[in-house]
Every structure is written in C-alpha cells, then in structure tokens.
C-alpha atoms as a PDB file:
ATOM      1  CA  VAL A   1     -24.809  -7.327 -11.643  1.00  0.00           C
ATOM      2  CA  PRO A   2     -21.942  -7.346 -14.131  1.00  0.00           C
ATOM      3  CA  SER A   3     -20.766 -10.702 -15.362  1.00  0.00           C
ATOM      4  CA  SER A   4     -17.477 -12.031 -14.417  1.00  0.00           C
ATOM      5  CA  SER A   5     -16.255 -11.768 -18.095  1.00  0.00           C
ATOM      6  CA  ALA A   6     -17.269  -8.085 -18.011  1.00  0.00           C
ATOM      7  CA  LEU A   7     -15.349  -7.506 -14.759  1.00  0.00           C
ATOM      8  CA  SER A   8     -12.274  -9.345 -16.150  1.00  0.00           C
ATOM      9  CA  SER A   9     -12.351  -7.038 -19.188  1.00  0.00           C
ATOM     10  CA  ILE A  10     -12.147  -4.105 -16.890  1.00  0.00           C
ATOM     11  CA  VAL A  11      -9.738  -5.300 -14.197  1.00  0.00           C
ATOM     12  CA  GLY A  12      -7.280  -7.073 -16.665  1.00  0.00           C
ATOM     13  CA  PRO A  13      -6.300  -3.856 -18.483  1.00  0.00           C
ATOM     14  CA  ALA A  14      -6.249  -1.740 -15.433  1.00  0.00           C
ATOM     15  CA  THR A  15      -3.858  -4.293 -13.701  1.00  0.00           C
ATOM     16  CA  GLU A  16      -1.666  -4.346 -16.722  1.00  0.00           C
ATOM     17  CA  ALA A  17      -1.512  -0.558 -16.911  1.00  0.00           C
ATOM     18  CA  LEU A  18      -0.647  -0.468 -13.227  1.00  0.00           C
ATOM     19  CA  HIS A  19       2.191  -2.986 -13.774  1.00  0.00           C
ATOM     20  CA  GLN A  20       3.499  -0.988 -16.719  1.00  0.00           C
ATOM     21  CA  VAL A  21       3.507   2.332 -14.990  1.00  0.00           C
ATOM     22  CA  LEU A  22       5.236   0.880 -11.936  1.00  0.00           C
ATOM     23  CA  VAL A  23       7.959  -0.748 -13.892  1.00  0.00           C
ATOM     24  CA  SER A  24       8.691   1.821 -16.612  1.00  0.00           C
ATOM     25  CA  GLY A  25       6.435   4.902 -16.075  1.00  0.00           C
ATOM     26  CA  THR A  26       7.961   8.249 -15.011  1.00  0.00           C
ATOM     27  CA  PRO A  27       8.589   8.408 -11.209  1.00  0.00           C
ATOM     28  CA  LEU A  28       5.735  10.754 -10.755  1.00  0.00           C
ATOM     29  CA  ARG A  29       3.365   8.325 -12.659  1.00  0.00           C
ATOM     30  CA  ALA A  30       4.789   5.300 -10.635  1.00  0.00           C
ATOM     31  CA  VAL A  31       4.181   7.070  -7.384  1.00  0.00           C
ATOM     32  CA  GLY A  32       0.651   8.041  -8.565  1.00  0.00           C
ATOM     33  CA  ALA A  33       0.018   4.353  -9.291  1.00  0.00           C
ATOM     34  CA  LEU A  34       1.032   3.566  -5.698  1.00  0.00           C
ATOM     35  CA  TYR A  35      -1.379   6.343  -4.683  1.00  0.00           C
ATOM     36  CA  ALA A  36      -4.182   4.859  -6.519  1.00  0.00           C
ATOM     37  CA  VAL A  37      -3.639   1.435  -4.979  1.00  0.00           C
ATOM     38  CA  ALA A  38      -3.513   2.954  -1.540  1.00  0.00           C
ATOM     39  CA  SER A  39      -6.575   5.035  -2.103  1.00  0.00           C
ATOM     40  CA  LEU A  40      -8.499   2.082  -3.382  1.00  0.00           C
ATOM     41  CA  THR A  41      -7.628   0.313  -0.067  1.00  0.00           C
ATOM     42  CA  VAL A  42      -7.962   3.238   2.405  1.00  0.00           C
ATOM     43  CA  VAL A  43     -11.078   5.177   1.009  1.00  0.00           C
ATOM     44  CA  PRO A  44     -13.565   2.269   1.434  1.00  0.00           C
ATOM     45  CA  LEU A  45     -12.142   1.461   4.856  1.00  0.00           C
ATOM     46  CA  THR A  46     -12.476   5.115   6.028  1.00  0.00           C
ATOM     47  CA  TYR A  47     -16.160   5.105   4.832  1.00  0.00           C
ATOM     48  CA  TYR A  48     -16.838   2.091   6.928  1.00  0.00           C
ATOM     49  CA  GLN A  49     -14.842   3.453  10.128  1.00  0.00           C
ATOM     50  CA  THR A  50     -12.983   6.827  10.193  1.00  0.00           C
ATOM     51  CA  ALA A  51     -10.273   5.521  12.506  1.00  0.00           C
ATOM     52  CA  TYR A  52      -9.373   2.770   9.882  1.00  0.00           C
ATOM     53  CA  SER A  53      -7.726   5.365   7.791  1.00  0.00           C
ATOM     54  CA  PHE A  54      -4.890   5.495  10.271  1.00  0.00           C
ATOM     55  CA  SER A  55      -4.931   2.018  11.421  1.00  0.00           C
ATOM     56  CA  VAL A  56      -6.331  -0.978   9.462  1.00  0.00           C
ATOM     57  CA  GLY A  57      -6.299   1.080   6.329  1.00  0.00           C
ATOM     58  CA  TYR A  58      -2.559   1.850   6.806  1.00  0.00           C
ATOM     59  CA  GLY A  59      -1.538  -1.698   7.251  1.00  0.00           C
ATOM     60  CA  LEU A  60      -3.656  -3.062   4.400  1.00  0.00           C
ATOM     61  CA  SER A  61      -2.586  -0.257   1.994  1.00  0.00           C
ATOM     62  CA  VAL A  62       1.033  -1.105   2.708  1.00  0.00           C
ATOM     63  CA  ALA A  63       0.297  -4.662   2.002  1.00  0.00           C
ATOM     64  CA  ALA A  64      -1.625  -3.909  -1.163  1.00  0.00           C
ATOM     65  CA  MET A  65       1.098  -1.634  -2.480  1.00  0.00           C
ATOM     66  CA  SER A  66       3.709  -4.353  -1.702  1.00  0.00           C
ATOM     67  CA  LEU A  67       1.699  -6.896  -3.424  1.00  0.00           C
ATOM     68  CA  ALA A  68       1.397  -4.596  -6.438  1.00  0.00           C
ATOM     69  CA  LEU A  69       5.180  -4.219  -6.523  1.00  0.00           C
ATOM     70  CA  LEU A  70       5.803  -7.853  -6.228  1.00  0.00           C
ATOM     71  CA  THR A  71       3.530  -8.759  -8.953  1.00  0.00           C
ATOM     72  CA  SER A  72       4.934  -5.965 -11.243  1.00  0.00           C
ATOM     73  CA  PHE A  73       8.689  -6.867 -10.925  1.00  0.00           C
ATOM     74  CA  LYS A  74      10.508 -10.113 -11.304  1.00  0.00           C
ATOM     75  CA  PHE A  75      11.111 -11.535  -7.842  1.00  0.00           C
ATOM     76  CA  SER A  76      14.735 -12.399  -6.917  1.00  0.00           C
ATOM     77  CA  LEU A  77      16.634 -12.797  -3.645  1.00  0.00           C
ATOM     78  CA  SER A  78      17.763  -9.176  -3.893  1.00  0.00           C
ATOM     79  CA  ALA A  79      17.445  -6.453  -1.101  1.00  0.00           C
ATOM     80  CA  PRO A  80      14.542  -4.617  -2.911  1.00  0.00           C
ATOM     81  CA  SER A  81      12.480  -7.811  -3.309  1.00  0.00           C
ATOM     82  CA  ILE A  82      13.109  -8.841   0.322  1.00  0.00           C
ATOM     83  CA  LEU A  83      12.032  -5.249   1.345  1.00  0.00           C
ATOM     84  CA  ALA A  84       8.717  -5.633  -0.753  1.00  0.00           C
ATOM     85  CA  VAL A  85       8.033  -9.026   0.859  1.00  0.00           C
ATOM     86  CA  ILE A  86       8.798  -7.794   4.355  1.00  0.00           C
ATOM     87  CA  SER A  87       6.540  -4.805   3.667  1.00  0.00           C
ATOM     88  CA  LEU A  88       3.717  -7.167   2.565  1.00  0.00           C
ATOM     89  CA  VAL A  89       3.978  -9.277   5.657  1.00  0.00           C
ATOM     90  CA  TYR A  90       4.248  -6.201   7.895  1.00  0.00           C
ATOM     91  CA  GLY A  91       1.037  -4.662   6.484  1.00  0.00           C
ATOM     92  CA  LEU A  92      -0.954  -7.796   6.780  1.00  0.00           C
ATOM     93  CA  ARG A  93       0.253  -8.437  10.210  1.00  0.00           C
ATOM     94  CA  LEU A  94      -0.422  -4.804  11.320  1.00  0.00           C
ATOM     95  CA  GLY A  95      -3.825  -4.564   9.727  1.00  0.00           C
ATOM     96  CA  GLY A  96      -4.876  -7.961  11.160  1.00  0.00           C
ATOM     97  CA  TYR A  97      -3.599  -7.094  14.579  1.00  0.00           C
ATOM     98  CA  ILE A  98      -5.347  -3.674  14.784  1.00  0.00           C
ATOM     99  CA  PHE A  99      -8.685  -5.143  13.282  1.00  0.00           C
ATOM    100  CA  ALA A 100      -8.601  -7.895  15.969  1.00  0.00           C
ATOM    101  CA  ARG A 101      -7.796  -5.380  18.701  1.00  0.00           C
ATOM    102  CA  GLU A 102     -10.568  -3.190  17.808  1.00  0.00           C
ATOM    103  CA  ARG A 103     -12.967  -6.139  17.822  1.00  0.00           C
ATOM    104  CA  THR A 104     -11.882  -7.513  21.173  1.00  0.00           C
ATOM    105  CA  VAL A 105     -10.766  -4.557  23.308  1.00  0.00           C
ATOM    106  CA  GLU A 106     -13.712  -2.497  24.502  1.00  0.00           C
ATOM    107  CA  SER A 107     -11.815   0.794  24.974  1.00  0.00           C
ATOM    108  CA  LYS A 108     -10.440   0.660  21.511  1.00  0.00           C
ATOM    109  CA  ARG A 109     -13.931  -0.089  20.051  1.00  0.00           C
ATOM    110  CA  LYS A 110     -15.327   2.941  21.863  1.00  0.00           C
ATOM    111  CA  GLN A 111     -12.227   5.020  20.739  1.00  0.00           C
ATOM    112  CA  PHE A 112     -12.966   3.979  17.205  1.00  0.00           C
ATOM    113  CA  GLU A 113     -16.680   4.723  17.320  1.00  0.00           C
ATOM    114  CA  GLU A 114     -16.061   8.318  18.709  1.00  0.00           C
ATOM    115  CA  MET A 115     -14.132   9.144  15.542  1.00  0.00           C
ATOM    116  CA  ASN A 116     -16.986   7.969  13.432  1.00  0.00           C
ATOM    117  CA  LYS A 117     -19.146  11.178  13.728  1.00  0.00           C
ATOM    118  CA  ARG A 118     -18.342  12.760  10.471  1.00  0.00           C
ATOM    119  CA  PRO A 119     -20.621  12.192   7.454  1.00  0.00           C
ATOM    120  CA  ILE A 120     -19.205   9.552   5.102  1.00  0.00           C
ATOM    121  CA  LEU A 121     -18.394  11.774   2.108  1.00  0.00           C
ATOM    122  CA  LYS A 122     -16.667  14.232   4.323  1.00  0.00           C
ATOM    123  CA  ARG A 123     -14.138  11.549   5.212  1.00  0.00           C
ATOM    124  CA  THR A 124     -12.822  11.428   1.598  1.00  0.00           C
ATOM    125  CA  PRO A 125     -10.122  14.299   1.805  1.00  0.00           C
ATOM    126  CA  LEU A 126      -8.905  12.547   5.006  1.00  0.00           C
ATOM    127  CA  ALA A 127      -8.527   9.212   3.195  1.00  0.00           C
ATOM    128  CA  LEU A 128      -7.080  10.673   0.008  1.00  0.00           C
ATOM    129  CA  GLY A 129      -4.574  12.743   2.148  1.00  0.00           C
ATOM    130  CA  VAL A 130      -3.260   9.676   4.159  1.00  0.00           C
ATOM    131  CA  SER A 131      -3.159   7.557   1.006  1.00  0.00           C
ATOM    132  CA  LEU A 132      -0.794  10.011  -0.496  1.00  0.00           C
ATOM    133  CA  LEU A 133       1.327   9.759   2.614  1.00  0.00           C
ATOM    134  CA  TYR A 134       1.335   5.895   2.535  1.00  0.00           C
ATOM    135  CA  ALA A 135       2.294   5.926  -1.198  1.00  0.00           C
ATOM    136  CA  PHE A 136       5.411   8.096  -0.483  1.00  0.00           C
ATOM    137  CA  MET A 137       6.203   5.810   2.504  1.00  0.00           C
ATOM    138  CA  ILE A 138       6.424   2.786   0.176  1.00  0.00           C
ATOM    139  CA  SER A 139       7.955   4.572  -2.730  1.00  0.00           C
ATOM    140  CA  PRO A 140      11.651   3.624  -1.621  1.00  0.00           C
ATOM    141  CA  ALA A 141      10.848  -0.048  -2.224  1.00  0.00           C
ATOM    142  CA  LEU A 142       9.515   0.997  -5.722  1.00  0.00           C
ATOM    143  CA  PHE A 143      12.607   2.850  -6.646  1.00  0.00           C
ATOM    144  CA  ALA A 144      14.891   0.111  -5.243  1.00  0.00           C
ATOM    145  CA  LEU A 145      13.055  -2.505  -7.299  1.00  0.00           C
ATOM    146  CA  ARG A 146      13.451  -0.357 -10.481  1.00  0.00           C
ATOM    147  CA  GLY A 147      17.117  -0.906 -10.085  1.00  0.00           C
ATOM    148  CA  THR A 148      18.565   2.590 -10.633  1.00  0.00           C
ATOM    149  CA  LEU A 149      21.599   1.945  -8.401  1.00  0.00           C
ATOM    150  CA  ASP A 150      24.872   0.717  -9.763  1.00  0.00           C
ATOM    151  CA  ALA A 151      25.981  -2.825  -8.572  1.00  0.00           C
ATOM    152  CA  GLY A 152      28.743  -2.370  -6.053  1.00  0.00           C
ATOM    153  CA  SER A 153      28.168   1.452  -5.415  1.00  0.00           C
ATOM    154  CA  VAL A 154      28.132   2.835  -2.073  1.00  0.00           C
ATOM    155  CA  LEU A 155      24.464   3.649  -2.299  1.00  0.00           C
ATOM    156  CA  LYS A 156      23.803  -0.089  -3.308  1.00  0.00           C
ATOM    157  CA  LYS A 157      25.544  -1.069  -0.041  1.00  0.00           C
ATOM    158  CA  VAL A 158      23.595   1.508   1.989  1.00  0.00           C
ATOM    159  CA  GLN A 159      20.314   0.076   0.414  1.00  0.00           C
ATOM    160  CA  LEU A 160      21.261  -3.386   1.515  1.00  0.00           C
ATOM    161  CA  CYS A 161      22.155  -2.294   4.998  1.00  0.00           C
ATOM    162  CA  PHE A 162      18.873  -0.485   5.411  1.00  0.00           C
ATOM    163  CA  THR A 163      16.782  -3.321   4.036  1.00  0.00           C
ATOM    164  CA  GLY A 164      18.486  -5.561   6.744  1.00  0.00           C
ATOM    165  CA  VAL A 165      17.344  -2.886   9.287  1.00  0.00           C
ATOM    166  CA  SER A 166      13.801  -3.175   8.200  1.00  0.00           C
END
C-alpha cells in the first residue's frame, strides 16, 4: 500500500497540470482534460454497474468536471462561475437521486441488473465514449470561464441570458 506522501507526490503534480491545461492550454487539450476527469469518474462506475455510465456516472462526472473548473479558475459572481456552480449542484443532485432511486425502487434495480451482462473490460469503450460526450457537454462552461468574450458584447449578453436559463 503506497504511503500518503507517495500518493501526494503523484496527485499534486497531476492536479496542477490539470488546472494549468484548463486555464491556459489549447482548446483541444482543455477539452481533453475534461475528458480525463469524466473518464476517471465514469469508467469505474461502469465497471461496477453498466447502467451507471448513463445515470449516476453522468451526474457525478458533470459534478467532477464542474469542481475541476471551479478549482482551476478564480471564482467571481460572473455568469460563467455561476454556471459552473449550478452544474456542480445539478450533477451531485442527479447522481444522488438516481443512486437512491436504483437502491429503493425494485423495478429500477432489476432494469439496472439486466444491463450488467457484459464482461467488465468490454464495458470500457462505452464508458470512454460517453465520457467524451459529457466532456463536450460541459465545455461551454470551460470556454465561458476562460473569458474569451469582450465585455458588453452581444455574445456576452447572450451568455448571461443562457446562464440564467440554466
């Protein structure tokens, strides 16, 4: 079992690299970083229960990517920061709700168990595919946080409007 200091020496630099890519990496690398976060969330959950790739995995990956964004960018009361907070709350609420529903509703438990017939390693392509989709789904928050729109521009106003809608 690795010691906590050995684990810290691995996790610390990885976290710093993630933050750096999200804030100032190329757009492709930044979406790739979100994909890595989503994959690290969805793949283990899919190995545990195939249906979690679409349900609990979706909610928790949105929450994990939102948390990565919130810890990478300076928080302010701007529309992009609020969008990231809303996404975090949404992901946690959805993941928790679906997990509780699967545990308490017999028909959902059976439905989830029926999907669990594939061997564990054959679930990997599914998990990686949906992780990429989830990374693209949260990427508007990433690009909004990067602040590439001019203050007062029409697009900035549209961004504010759609943050309110979300």
